[in-house]
Amino acid sequence: MDSTCKINKKAEESHRQDSADLLVFILLLTLTILTIWLFKHRRCRFLHETGLAMIYGLLVGVVLRYAIHVPSDMNNVTLSCNVNASPATLLVNVSGKFYEYTLKGEISGSEINDIQDNEMLRKVTFDPEVFFNILLPPIIFHAGYSLKRRHFFRNLGSILAYAFVGTVVSCFIIGLFMYGCVLLMKQIGHLGGDFFFTDCLFFGAIVSATDPVTVLAIFNELQVDADLYALLFGESVLNDAVALVLSSSIVAYQPEGDNTHTFEAMAMLKSFGVFLGVFSGSFALGVATGVVTALISFTFTKLRELPLLETALFFLMSWSTFLLAEACGFTGVVAVLFCGMTQAHYTFNNLSPESQDRTKQLFELLNFLAENFIFSYMGLTLFTFHNHVFNPIFIVGAFLAVFLGRAANIYPLSFLNKITSNFQHMMMFAGLRGAMTFALSIRDTATYARQMMFSTTLLVVFFTVWICGGGTTPMLSCQKIRVGVDSDQENFVMEMRSTKQESAWLFRIWYNFDHNYLKPILTHSGPPLTATLPACCGPLARCLTSPQAYENEGQLKDSDSDLILNDGDISLAYGDITVSTDATGAHTSGTPVGGVAVNSDEALDRELAFSDHELVIRGTRLVLPMDDSEHPLPLDSHRHKNETMS
């Protein structure tokens, strides 16, 4: 009876302790929010909310580590037994009664007398799976769901180059540099455990994940050039996914034989195959889940009458994408990112106005809370984590390697993509590390190498958020980057400017196909399929087209679409030459006033080469990619030109 009372009493004390620990984080977030309001009121931009959250986390960590001590429990008994491994669970026979104990982790011999303090600090240390399954999904989904697709797709080539090629280059540059540091540490006797080349590559992968949330917040507040914002945001969104899959591929590198850390071509090819397979599978799963959600909202139109149920279904389908991908062996981060982009493009148009507002606000709130929680926890773990390994050589080498890796990513690719020098320097400066880097480093801290990586990663995140994030405004002034630019009021012609012919045909092919076939099937917007499919497919077209599509035939609903070309033609005019593009993507050229015919390809090349061409629209609507809050730019200003041309 006494034993049962003690167990119940201990369970009650544990419950109170858990509640107090959660209260600490709630108070941290509350304090952060109040300070954010003060900073915004005073227009202070030298420190972002994430930096504030880290500072408060550091202060609480100091208090928990050094100011609070829990009295020792006299009932604690330390016994020794020789076993070859540490079992996950342990059954102990006490006077004929069996008790089950679970493994909490290894402690050093010097900490045996401080078990109670260790227990308190362990209480405020979360399972790394909490970050991946609960905190990361809303952050990543919000990034895809709130993506400004107009500028994202206009800079898609550069963004893909930075995210894929640049991240891989950065990973190997950092990995090679850190391996040199490890060899130096081994030579002078400063290495206390195994540290292999694959560990260095893994470190290169996790610190290549950028998270310029501080810089982007300041960009948004100052209304910095929209293309620079799109480049940074697009790179950070995609390179988080690439870094995660790349780190998983490096872990999967397993050469045959006794030495699993030697170079082997087949093992490297296998890891490369794992990278492609996991990324493409996650991408397909995320898009498929988004399409399924769009079809559900498209089919069950009565859900629009119950916005609460509609929002709940949208939320659950979006979150389940992450868990489904992880359960299938893919990467939830990649899946939920592309699910968010698909949901924004298709499902959003099927939601009721109330659900549209609710979903945007819900994921914006979850993103804000999760992000600030993670940064608060970063500050806390600097003092509450027990197995830190701080090595001065490794730390200095890491900072140098991160700088070199970022430079190798930005400058060569920017030169190839013809990015201006001030944009290049700003992107180099804005390569902050954040939530993804932290989550990847804390996921596995079992070995000496992983513990050193985690400790060093914390310092890298602190430095980049505080120093680089705080220096964003001075850096903008130094590079003479324009601010106060309202992207909604940009000139209509400027929005259609493209310096690459590839972008023109890519837009024509994809957006014509999307608008004429995918949108009518998955949403209630776009032209009816009866108007776009051949006459022989009439019965199928009538079956797949919703009644709302006929009602909306005269007005396009999806004001947030990326770039949609309707059934008519688009004409690009420069001087006396007119280049027309019909709904199939083919283009023809008009005859100039002088009577000399111009080849259509040559004319289109000229149009894409000049920056001051005029856009002439005949019998069609052109809707630029806009945010949900944006409205299509009226074409009244171009009416006079249309009348003249006609």
Foldseek 3Di string as FASTA:
>chain_A
DVVVVVVVVVVVVVVVLLVVLVVLLVVLVVVLVVVQVVCVVVVAQLADSLLSLLVSLQVVLCCLQPVDADDDDPPDDDDDDDDPDDDQKDWDQDPNDTDIDGDDDDDDPVCPVRVVSLVSLSSNPDALVCCQQPQQLLQLLLLQQQQLQLLLLLCVVLLVLLQAVLLQLLLVLQLVLLVVLVVVCVVVVNDDDDDASLLSSLLSLLLSQFDLVLLLVVCVVQVFDPNLSSSLSSNNSRNLVLSVLLSVLSVQQADDDDDRRDDDPVSNVVSVVSSVVQLVVLLVLLLVLLLVLLLVLAVPLVCQVPLVVNLVVVVVSLSVSLVVSVVVVHHSSSSSNNNSNSCNAGVLQSHHPVNNVVNSVVSVVSNVSSQSSQSSVLSNCLNSPDLADEDPSSLVSSVVSSLVSLCSSQDVSCVVVVPDPLSSVLSSLSRAHGDSSQSSLVNDDRDPSSNHSNNSSSVRNSCSNNPSSSCSVVSCVVSVGDTPDDPLPPDPLQSVAHLDPVSLLVCLQVQLCCQQPVNQQSHLFHAQVCVVPDVVCNVVSVVRGDPSVVVCNPPGRSLQHAKHWHQAWKWWDDQQKIWIAGSNGDIAIDAGPVRDGDGNVVVVNVSNNDSPIDIEDDPTDIRHRGGPPHGGDDCPVCPVVNVVVD
